[in-house]
């Protein structure tokens, strides 16, 4: 079973690249962030033509998350069942695996209310995962907007005093992992940077100025069944690439 996560930074702008990637790679499940569409615009029919069921939680020109599946899709949840109006979280069951697509708030700055919102959002995710069914495999993927360690940042000093690398954010990721989850990429590639995001400016992609902020967190039993995991840098090439690339994992299920 191949599972991937990808912040496409507008499914409207990136649809030709997403369609091409799905046709070439054919993952069983794809978790998408930043669709930036409402349900009326979301390409349900085009995805069905590619063999995918899908569930979408949209918000027009902002945010938006989706789950695509070739192996079944049921028990869909959208959001945390609270009054948060931002479309950042969706879950479903695919081939008896519980999967979640997450678009964690950016935070903007350490003194910005959005940073407080980010930490509260991560705490809600932690609480939901702490209460999960431990007998069911789980994959929590998405754009977490946090570089979990200095290895996940090309130059920590550049981000010092800012978001994405602050200790409260990193502690929030560790608290999520403490519910019984493993950072799959770091587990399989302990010494590699494996950046997933590059700024559009200054040729950052070609200079290697990136961050690893797109994660796949899995339960330990599923980690034991992982046969490969990689960052698909090729998806960054061509016209209108996203500033993120897919993170892909294969499980022997």
Protein backbone atom coordinates (compact mmCIF):
# COMPACT_ATOMS: atom_id res chain seq x y z
CA UNK A 1 0.00 0.00 0.00
CA UNK A 2 1.55 3.28 -1.14
CA UNK A 3 0.62 6.39 0.85
CA UNK A 4 1.76 9.93 0.05
CA UNK A 5 1.22 13.45 1.33
CA UNK A 6 1.53 16.62 -0.75
CA UNK A 7 0.82 20.30 -0.17
CA UNK A 8 -0.09 21.29 -3.71
CA UNK A 9 -0.52 25.03 -2.97
CA UNK A 10 -3.71 25.37 -5.05
CA UNK A 11 -5.26 22.38 -6.76
CA UNK A 12 -6.61 24.80 -9.36
CA UNK A 13 -3.16 26.02 -10.36
CA UNK A 14 -1.47 22.65 -9.90
CA UNK A 15 -4.09 20.26 -11.30
CA UNK A 16 -2.14 19.32 -14.48
CA UNK A 17 0.90 18.43 -12.36
CA UNK A 18 -1.18 16.52 -9.81
CA UNK A 19 -2.96 14.60 -12.57
CA UNK A 20 0.37 13.75 -14.22
CA UNK A 21 1.89 12.66 -10.90
CA UNK A 22 -1.07 10.47 -9.99
CA UNK A 23 -0.97 8.81 -13.40
CA UNK A 24 2.78 8.19 -13.15
CA UNK A 25 3.08 7.17 -9.48
CA UNK A 26 -0.38 5.71 -8.79
CA UNK A 27 -0.33 5.88 -4.97
CA UNK A 28 -3.08 3.98 -3.22
CA UNK A 29 -3.76 6.94 -0.93
CA UNK A 30 -2.80 10.60 -1.36
CA UNK A 31 -3.26 13.19 1.38
CA UNK A 32 -3.51 16.71 -0.07
CA UNK A 33 -3.20 20.10 1.61
CA UNK A 34 -3.98 23.63 0.39
CA UNK A 35 -6.51 22.69 -2.26
CA UNK A 36 -7.71 26.31 -2.14
CA UNK A 37 -11.06 25.24 -3.59
CA UNK A 38 -14.66 24.76 -2.55
CA UNK A 39 -16.46 21.50 -3.25
CA UNK A 40 -18.06 22.90 -6.40
CA UNK A 41 -14.65 23.43 -7.99
CA UNK A 42 -12.94 20.32 -6.59
CA UNK A 43 -12.23 17.76 -9.40
CA UNK A 44 -14.28 14.82 -8.09
CA UNK A 45 -15.10 13.57 -11.60
CA UNK A 46 -11.54 13.88 -12.92
CA UNK A 47 -10.24 11.96 -9.91
CA UNK A 48 -12.82 9.22 -10.41
CA UNK A 49 -11.58 8.90 -14.00
CA UNK A 50 -8.12 8.24 -12.54
CA UNK A 51 -9.54 5.57 -10.24
CA UNK A 52 -9.77 7.60 -7.03
CA UNK A 53 -12.54 8.10 -4.54
CA UNK A 54 -11.98 11.32 -2.68
CA UNK A 55 -13.17 13.34 0.28
CA UNK A 56 -12.64 17.08 0.46
CA UNK A 57 -12.91 19.75 3.12
CA UNK A 58 -12.71 23.03 1.25
CA UNK A 59 -12.65 26.71 2.05
CA UNK A 60 -12.60 28.53 -1.26
CA UNK A 61 -9.33 30.35 -1.91
CA UNK A 62 -7.74 29.40 1.45
CA UNK A 63 -6.62 26.19 3.13
CA UNK A 64 -8.49 23.02 2.09
CA UNK A 65 -7.55 19.37 2.65
CA UNK A 66 -8.43 16.16 0.86
CA UNK A 67 -7.95 12.39 0.88
CA UNK A 68 -7.75 10.38 -2.35
CA UNK A 69 -8.00 6.60 -2.28
CA UNK A 70 -7.97 3.62 -4.62
CA UNK A 71 -8.52 1.17 -1.75
CA UNK A 72 -11.78 2.38 -0.25
CA UNK A 73 -12.79 5.49 1.65
CA UNK A 74 -15.23 5.57 4.56
CA UNK A 75 -15.97 7.17 7.95
CA UNK A 76 -14.96 10.65 6.85
CA UNK A 77 -14.53 13.38 9.47
CA UNK A 78 -13.90 17.05 8.74
CA UNK A 79 -12.37 19.30 11.36
CA UNK A 80 -12.19 18.75 15.11
CA UNK A 81 -15.92 19.03 15.77
CA UNK A 82 -15.54 22.54 17.20
CA UNK A 83 -16.15 26.10 16.01
CA UNK A 84 -12.93 26.42 13.98
CA UNK A 85 -13.99 27.62 10.51
CA UNK A 86 -10.64 26.90 8.83
CA UNK A 87 -10.54 23.79 6.64
CA UNK A 88 -7.33 22.17 7.86
CA UNK A 89 -8.12 18.60 8.94
CA UNK A 90 -9.83 15.61 7.36
CA UNK A 91 -9.80 11.92 8.25
CA UNK A 92 -11.03 8.70 6.65
CA UNK A 93 -10.53 4.95 6.68
CA UNK A 94 -8.77 3.48 3.64
CA UNK A 95 -8.13 -0.29 3.45
CA UNK A 96 -8.63 -0.57 7.23
CA UNK A 97 -6.00 2.12 7.86
CA UNK A 98 -7.12 5.34 9.52
CA UNK A 99 -5.57 8.26 7.63
CA UNK A 100 -5.55 11.98 8.36
CA UNK A 101 -4.59 14.89 6.12
CA UNK A 102 -3.40 17.90 8.14
CA UNK A 103 -2.61 21.46 7.17
CA UNK A 104 -1.20 22.92 10.37
CA UNK A 105 -1.47 26.73 10.75
CA UNK A 106 1.66 28.66 9.77
CA UNK A 107 1.92 30.71 12.96
CA UNK A 108 3.29 33.79 11.15
CA UNK A 109 5.38 35.14 14.06
CA UNK A 110 6.01 34.24 17.68
CA UNK A 111 4.07 37.30 18.89
CA UNK A 112 1.17 36.80 16.47
CA UNK A 113 -2.23 35.43 17.60
CA UNK A 114 -1.89 32.92 14.75
CA UNK A 115 1.03 31.33 16.63
CA UNK A 116 -1.22 30.77 19.66
CA UNK A 117 -3.82 29.31 17.28
CA UNK A 118 -1.15 27.01 15.82
CA UNK A 119 -0.16 25.60 19.20
CA UNK A 120 -3.80 25.14 20.20
CA UNK A 121 -4.49 23.40 16.88
CA UNK A 122 -1.60 20.98 17.43
CA UNK A 123 -2.89 20.29 20.94
CA UNK A 124 -6.31 19.36 19.51
CA UNK A 125 -4.63 17.00 17.07
CA UNK A 126 -2.67 15.44 19.93
CA UNK A 127 -5.85 14.90 21.95
CA UNK A 128 -7.66 13.32 19.02
CA UNK A 129 -4.77 10.93 18.38
CA UNK A 130 -4.40 10.07 22.06
CA UNK A 131 -8.02 8.86 22.03
CA UNK A 132 -7.70 6.78 18.84
CA UNK A 133 -8.35 3.04 18.47
CA UNK A 134 -4.93 1.48 19.10
CA UNK A 135 -5.94 -1.72 17.29
CA UNK A 136 -6.15 0.14 13.97
CA UNK A 137 -3.19 1.27 11.87
CA UNK A 138 -2.95 5.04 11.50
CA UNK A 139 -1.18 7.46 9.17
CA UNK A 140 -1.11 11.15 10.07
CA UNK A 141 0.30 13.12 7.16
CA UNK A 142 0.49 16.63 5.92
CA UNK A 143 2.14 20.01 6.05
CA UNK A 144 2.93 20.50 9.73
CA UNK A 145 4.70 23.85 9.27
CA UNK A 146 7.25 22.70 11.87
CA UNK A 147 10.82 21.49 11.28
CA UNK A 148 11.05 18.87 14.07
CA UNK A 149 14.83 19.26 14.58
CA UNK A 150 17.78 21.29 13.34
CA UNK A 151 18.54 18.53 10.83
CA UNK A 152 15.24 19.44 9.18
CA UNK A 153 16.35 23.02 8.48
CA UNK A 154 19.10 24.07 6.07
CA UNK A 155 20.34 26.79 8.46
CA UNK A 156 18.65 27.04 11.87
CA UNK A 157 20.20 30.44 12.50
CA UNK A 158 18.18 31.91 9.63
CA UNK A 159 14.95 31.00 11.42
CA UNK A 160 16.05 31.75 14.98
CA UNK A 161 13.41 33.79 16.76
CA UNK A 162 10.76 32.81 14.20
CA UNK A 163 8.16 30.16 13.66
CA UNK A 164 8.68 26.61 12.37
CA UNK A 165 11.70 25.97 14.63
CA UNK A 166 10.59 27.33 18.01
CA UNK A 167 10.75 24.99 20.98
CA UNK A 168 6.99 25.10 21.76
CA UNK A 169 6.22 24.03 18.18
CA UNK A 170 8.75 21.21 18.32
CA UNK A 171 7.47 20.13 21.70
CA UNK A 172 3.96 19.99 20.22
CA UNK A 173 5.21 17.57 17.55
CA UNK A 174 6.95 15.46 20.20
CA UNK A 175 3.70 15.37 22.19
CA UNK A 176 1.86 14.07 19.13
CA UNK A 177 4.52 11.39 18.65
CA UNK A 178 4.19 10.52 22.33
CA UNK A 179 0.66 9.28 21.62
CA UNK A 180 2.44 6.32 20.02
CA UNK A 181 3.54 7.50 16.58
CA UNK A 182 6.77 7.37 14.60
CA UNK A 183 8.11 10.01 12.19
CA UNK A 184 8.53 7.62 9.27
CA UNK A 185 11.00 9.64 7.19
CA UNK A 186 13.31 10.33 10.12
CA UNK A 187 13.01 6.73 11.27
CA UNK A 188 14.04 5.35 7.88
CA UNK A 189 16.56 8.10 7.05
CA UNK A 190 18.08 9.13 10.40
CA UNK A 191 20.95 11.19 8.98
CA UNK A 192 19.45 12.73 5.83
CA UNK A 193 17.89 16.19 5.63
CA UNK A 194 15.10 15.12 3.21
CA UNK A 195 13.75 18.66 2.75
CA UNK A 196 10.17 18.91 1.51
CA UNK A 197 9.75 22.70 1.13
CA UNK A 198 11.77 25.43 -0.58
CA UNK A 199 11.11 29.14 -0.82
CA UNK A 200 10.32 30.33 -4.33
CA UNK A 201 12.86 33.14 -4.00
CA UNK A 202 16.63 33.19 -4.56
CA UNK A 203 16.78 29.80 -6.26
CA UNK A 204 16.31 28.09 -2.91
CA UNK A 205 15.47 24.69 -4.41
CA UNK A 206 18.69 24.54 -6.40
CA UNK A 207 20.76 25.89 -3.50
CA UNK A 208 19.37 23.33 -1.08
CA UNK A 209 17.84 25.98 1.17
CA UNK A 210 14.91 23.92 2.40
CA UNK A 211 12.92 22.65 5.35
CA UNK A 212 11.42 19.28 6.19
CA UNK A 213 7.94 20.24 7.33
CA UNK A 214 5.82 17.65 5.50
CA UNK A 215 5.55 14.55 7.67
CA UNK A 216 4.11 11.05 7.72
CA UNK A 217 3.54 9.86 11.29
CA UNK A 218 2.57 6.20 11.68
CA UNK A 219 1.96 3.69 14.45
CA UNK A 220 4.94 1.43 15.30
CA UNK A 221 3.31 -1.71 13.88
CA UNK A 222 2.81 0.04 10.56
CA UNK A 223 6.38 1.37 10.70
CA UNK A 224 7.53 -2.25 10.91
CA UNK A 225 5.71 -2.91 7.63
CA UNK A 226 7.26 0.07 5.80
CA UNK A 227 9.46 -1.05 2.90
CA UNK A 228 10.44 2.39 1.58
CA UNK A 229 10.01 6.11 2.11
CA UNK A 230 11.24 8.98 -0.03
CA UNK A 231 10.79 12.63 -0.89
CA UNK A 232 9.82 12.97 -4.56
CA UNK A 233 11.99 15.91 -5.62
CA UNK A 234 11.11 15.28 -9.28
CA UNK A 235 7.64 16.68 -8.59
CA UNK A 236 9.30 20.08 -8.05
CA UNK A 237 10.39 20.31 -11.71
CA UNK A 238 8.44 21.71 -14.65
CA UNK A 239 5.93 24.55 -14.93
CA UNK A 240 4.10 25.92 -11.89
CA UNK A 241 5.61 23.60 -9.27
CA UNK A 242 4.39 23.79 -5.70
CA UNK A 243 6.83 24.98 -3.06
CA UNK A 244 6.34 21.52 -1.49
CA UNK A 245 7.01 18.04 -2.87
CA UNK A 246 5.29 14.74 -2.06
CA UNK A 247 6.49 12.46 0.71
CA UNK A 248 5.85 8.85 -0.30
CA UNK A 249 5.86 5.60 1.69
CA UNK A 250 5.22 1.97 0.79
CA UNK A 251 3.85 -0.54 3.31
CA UNK A 252 3.68 -4.31 2.98
CA UNK A 253 0.01 -4.74 3.86
